[in-house]
Protein backbone atom coordinates (compact mmCIF):
# COMPACT_ATOMS: atom_id res chain seq x y z
CA UNK A 1 -46.57 -46.76 -25.76
CA UNK A 2 -49.38 -44.91 -23.99
CA UNK A 3 -48.34 -42.37 -21.35
CA UNK A 4 -49.89 -39.96 -18.86
CA UNK A 5 -48.83 -36.40 -19.67
CA UNK A 6 -49.18 -33.30 -17.48
CA UNK A 7 -48.84 -29.90 -19.13
CA UNK A 8 -48.93 -27.19 -16.46
CA UNK A 9 -48.59 -23.43 -16.31
CA UNK A 10 -49.80 -20.28 -14.61
CA UNK A 11 -53.05 -18.66 -15.80
CA UNK A 12 -53.50 -17.50 -19.40
CA UNK A 13 -50.67 -19.51 -20.94
CA UNK A 14 -52.83 -21.08 -23.63
CA UNK A 15 -53.39 -24.49 -22.02
CA UNK A 16 -56.89 -24.92 -23.41
CA UNK A 17 -55.81 -23.71 -26.85
CA UNK A 18 -53.06 -26.33 -26.83
CA UNK A 19 -55.53 -29.02 -25.74
CA UNK A 20 -57.94 -28.14 -28.55
CA UNK A 21 -55.10 -28.11 -31.08
CA UNK A 22 -54.08 -31.59 -29.91
CA UNK A 23 -57.65 -32.84 -30.34
CA UNK A 24 -57.74 -31.30 -33.82
CA UNK A 25 -54.47 -33.02 -34.76
CA UNK A 26 -55.92 -36.41 -33.81
CA UNK A 27 -59.15 -35.72 -35.70
CA UNK A 28 -57.23 -34.77 -38.84
CA UNK A 29 -55.71 -38.24 -38.82
CA UNK A 30 -59.07 -39.95 -38.39
CA UNK A 31 -58.42 -40.74 -34.73
CA UNK A 32 -61.07 -40.34 -32.03
CA UNK A 33 -60.53 -38.39 -28.82
CA UNK A 34 -62.53 -37.81 -25.64
CA UNK A 35 -62.27 -34.48 -23.81
CA UNK A 36 -63.01 -34.27 -20.08
CA UNK A 37 -63.66 -31.03 -18.20
CA UNK A 38 -64.66 -30.30 -14.57
CA UNK A 39 -68.37 -29.57 -14.17
CA UNK A 40 -67.60 -26.75 -11.73
CA UNK A 41 -65.97 -24.66 -14.49
CA UNK A 42 -69.04 -23.74 -16.53
CA UNK A 43 -67.95 -20.29 -17.76
CA UNK A 44 -68.45 -21.38 -21.38
CA UNK A 45 -71.38 -23.66 -20.53
CA UNK A 46 -71.52 -27.08 -18.94
CA UNK A 47 -69.52 -29.60 -20.89
CA UNK A 48 -67.85 -27.00 -23.12
CA UNK A 49 -64.11 -26.38 -23.32
CA UNK A 50 -63.34 -22.91 -24.66
CA UNK A 51 -60.12 -20.95 -25.11
CA UNK A 52 -59.61 -17.21 -24.81
CA UNK A 53 -58.96 -16.93 -28.57
CA UNK A 54 -62.38 -18.29 -29.49
CA UNK A 55 -61.79 -22.03 -30.03
CA UNK A 56 -64.21 -24.42 -28.35
CA UNK A 57 -65.33 -28.04 -28.25
CA UNK A 58 -67.90 -30.21 -26.57
CA UNK A 59 -66.60 -32.27 -23.68
CA UNK A 60 -67.78 -34.59 -20.92
CA UNK A 61 -68.30 -32.68 -17.66
CA UNK A 62 -67.23 -34.61 -14.58
CA UNK A 63 -67.68 -34.09 -10.86
CA UNK A 64 -65.39 -35.09 -8.01
CA UNK A 65 -67.31 -38.32 -7.47
CA UNK A 66 -67.16 -39.57 -11.06
CA UNK A 67 -65.03 -42.57 -12.02
CA UNK A 68 -63.14 -41.43 -15.11
CA UNK A 69 -61.95 -44.90 -16.04
CA UNK A 70 -65.53 -46.17 -16.18
CA UNK A 71 -66.54 -43.08 -18.15
CA UNK A 72 -63.97 -43.90 -20.82
CA UNK A 73 -64.84 -47.60 -20.82
CA UNK A 74 -68.50 -46.72 -21.44
CA UNK A 75 -67.46 -44.42 -24.27
CA UNK A 76 -65.44 -47.18 -25.93
CA UNK A 77 -68.30 -49.67 -25.54
CA UNK A 78 -70.70 -47.21 -27.18
CA UNK A 79 -68.52 -45.67 -29.89
CA UNK A 80 -65.56 -47.95 -30.53
CA UNK A 81 -61.79 -47.50 -30.26
CA UNK A 82 -60.47 -44.34 -28.61
CA UNK A 83 -57.05 -42.91 -29.39
CA UNK A 84 -56.55 -40.20 -26.78
CA UNK A 85 -58.14 -38.72 -23.64
CA UNK A 86 -57.63 -35.00 -22.96
CA UNK A 87 -58.37 -33.36 -19.61
CA UNK A 88 -58.90 -29.60 -19.24
CA UNK A 89 -58.43 -27.80 -15.89
CA UNK A 90 -56.75 -30.92 -14.54
CA UNK A 91 -55.86 -29.24 -11.24
CA UNK A 92 -59.45 -29.96 -10.15
CA UNK A 93 -59.01 -33.73 -10.38
CA UNK A 94 -59.07 -35.72 -7.15
CA UNK A 95 -56.32 -38.12 -6.12
CA UNK A 96 -58.62 -41.02 -7.02
CA UNK A 97 -59.31 -39.57 -10.46
CA UNK A 98 -55.63 -39.14 -11.25
CA UNK A 99 -55.20 -42.81 -10.32
CA UNK A 100 -58.08 -43.66 -12.67
CA UNK A 101 -56.27 -41.82 -15.46
CA UNK A 102 -53.20 -43.97 -14.83
CA UNK A 103 -55.44 -47.02 -15.25
CA UNK A 104 -56.69 -45.69 -18.60
CA UNK A 105 -53.05 -45.48 -19.68
CA UNK A 106 -51.80 -48.74 -18.16
CA UNK A 107 -54.79 -51.03 -18.68
CA UNK A 108 -56.58 -49.56 -21.69
CA UNK A 109 -53.36 -48.44 -23.41
CA UNK A 110 -54.76 -45.00 -24.23
CA UNK A 111 -52.60 -41.87 -23.84
CA UNK A 112 -53.99 -39.23 -21.48
CA UNK A 113 -53.03 -35.55 -21.87
CA UNK A 114 -53.80 -33.34 -18.86
CA UNK A 115 -53.64 -29.54 -18.89
CA UNK A 116 -53.88 -27.45 -15.74
CA UNK A 117 -52.47 -25.11 -13.15
CA UNK A 118 -49.71 -26.26 -10.84
CA UNK A 119 -50.44 -24.00 -7.84
CA UNK A 120 -53.29 -21.91 -6.47
CA UNK A 121 -53.38 -18.22 -5.50
CA UNK A 122 -51.56 -19.01 -2.25
CA UNK A 123 -48.73 -20.83 -4.00
CA UNK A 124 -49.98 -24.23 -2.82
CA UNK A 125 -50.41 -27.29 -5.03
CA UNK A 126 -53.89 -28.27 -6.13
CA UNK A 127 -54.82 -31.87 -5.35
CA UNK A 128 -54.95 -32.89 -8.99
CA UNK A 129 -51.66 -31.21 -9.80
CA UNK A 130 -49.96 -32.79 -6.80
CA UNK A 131 -50.71 -36.31 -7.98
CA UNK A 132 -50.12 -35.59 -11.64
CA UNK A 133 -46.67 -34.30 -10.71
CA UNK A 134 -46.14 -37.51 -8.74
CA UNK A 135 -47.55 -40.05 -11.20
CA UNK A 136 -47.36 -38.63 -14.73
CA UNK A 137 -44.93 -40.23 -17.16
CA UNK A 138 -44.05 -36.90 -18.73
CA UNK A 139 -44.35 -33.38 -17.29
CA UNK A 140 -43.94 -30.20 -19.31
CA UNK A 141 -44.38 -26.49 -18.58
CA UNK A 142 -46.37 -24.24 -20.92
CA UNK A 143 -44.71 -20.88 -20.45
CA UNK A 144 -46.27 -17.45 -20.12
CA UNK A 145 -44.98 -14.09 -18.93
CA UNK A 146 -45.46 -11.65 -16.08
CA UNK A 147 -46.25 -7.98 -16.70
CA UNK A 148 -42.63 -7.33 -15.69
CA UNK A 149 -41.40 -9.34 -18.67
CA UNK A 150 -40.11 -12.23 -16.58
CA UNK A 151 -41.46 -15.75 -16.86
CA UNK A 152 -44.69 -16.14 -14.90
CA UNK A 153 -44.78 -19.19 -12.64
CA UNK A 154 -47.37 -18.14 -10.04
CA UNK A 155 -50.99 -17.02 -10.07
CA UNK A 156 -52.36 -14.18 -7.94
CA UNK A 157 -56.05 -13.73 -7.10
CA UNK A 158 -56.93 -10.05 -7.01
CA UNK A 159 -59.88 -7.93 -5.91
CA UNK A 160 -61.46 -5.11 -7.93
CA UNK A 161 -58.67 -2.75 -6.80
CA UNK A 162 -55.83 -4.99 -7.97
CA UNK A 163 -54.87 -6.03 -4.45
CA UNK A 164 -53.76 -9.61 -3.89
CA UNK A 165 -56.32 -11.73 -2.05
CA UNK A 166 -54.80 -14.18 0.40
CA UNK A 167 -57.91 -15.63 2.05
CA UNK A 168 -60.84 -17.60 0.71
CA UNK A 169 -61.57 -21.00 -0.80
CA UNK A 170 -58.92 -22.64 -2.95
CA UNK A 171 -61.36 -23.03 -5.84
CA UNK A 172 -63.03 -19.87 -7.10
CA UNK A 173 -63.75 -19.84 -10.82
CA UNK A 174 -62.71 -16.68 -12.64
CA UNK A 175 -60.82 -15.27 -15.60
CA UNK A 176 -58.58 -12.31 -16.34
CA UNK A 177 -60.57 -10.03 -14.07
CA UNK A 178 -59.83 -12.24 -11.06
CA UNK A 179 -56.47 -13.90 -11.68
CA UNK A 180 -53.10 -12.64 -12.89
CA UNK A 181 -50.01 -14.64 -13.81
CA UNK A 182 -46.83 -13.26 -12.25
CA UNK A 183 -43.21 -14.15 -11.60
CA UNK A 184 -42.23 -15.56 -8.21
CA UNK A 185 -40.65 -12.22 -7.27
CA UNK A 186 -43.87 -10.35 -8.10
CA UNK A 187 -45.92 -12.96 -6.25
CA UNK A 188 -43.89 -12.41 -3.10
CA UNK A 189 -44.12 -8.64 -3.45
CA UNK A 190 -47.86 -8.34 -4.00
CA UNK A 191 -48.80 -10.97 -1.42
CA UNK A 192 -46.67 -9.03 1.08
CA UNK A 193 -48.73 -5.94 0.31
CA UNK A 194 -45.98 -4.10 -1.57
CA UNK A 195 -48.01 -3.25 -4.64
CA UNK A 196 -51.07 -3.76 -6.78
CA UNK A 197 -51.67 -5.52 -10.08
CA UNK A 198 -53.87 -4.34 -12.91
CA UNK A 199 -55.50 -7.56 -14.22
CA UNK A 200 -55.84 -6.03 -17.68
CA UNK A 201 -52.28 -4.73 -17.89
CA UNK A 202 -50.51 -6.01 -20.98
CA UNK A 203 -47.29 -7.93 -20.27
CA UNK A 204 -43.98 -6.49 -21.29
CA UNK A 205 -41.67 -8.35 -23.71
CA UNK A 206 -40.14 -11.43 -22.12
CA UNK A 207 -36.95 -10.62 -20.24
CA UNK A 208 -34.05 -12.81 -21.30
CA UNK A 209 -32.34 -14.56 -18.42
């Protein structure tokens, strides 16, 4: 039975790597997939999904106004049966687009796997994540770790001095130089001005709790 899946994490947990591995697994079995990625995230080029470890794939770039159900229906009409839809950076979906993904699952009977952040640099839900958490059939966390060794659940936006940034637009594309995954305790500390974070600091071994 087709389902809508939401795999979430903080930054740098390997979400895109996992997405590309899933696409590869389908391809190995002779099954066709369609990858969707937000047009606003063009760090690897428009319509390209790329992981930090060097894996990449072509994808369909979508904007906030695009109807994703119609996009997939056009793909099926042009290329035949589709076995899975994968969505990178799913936090940037709109409410309407998450609903369209549920229609792909419920009406077209195609599983949809979404990968994205749960919260922004202020600890607030993204629109896409909010409705995926509400409407997905299955929700799973992809874990990563804080530089303290604890599990990282939050993402901090930092300036060039490692200070947490608390103002600005919710969406600001960036990588390791701009965002750091931290534990909730570290998030509270740095956003309260109690310390700095080195974006390039290697995490310590995971603390067992």
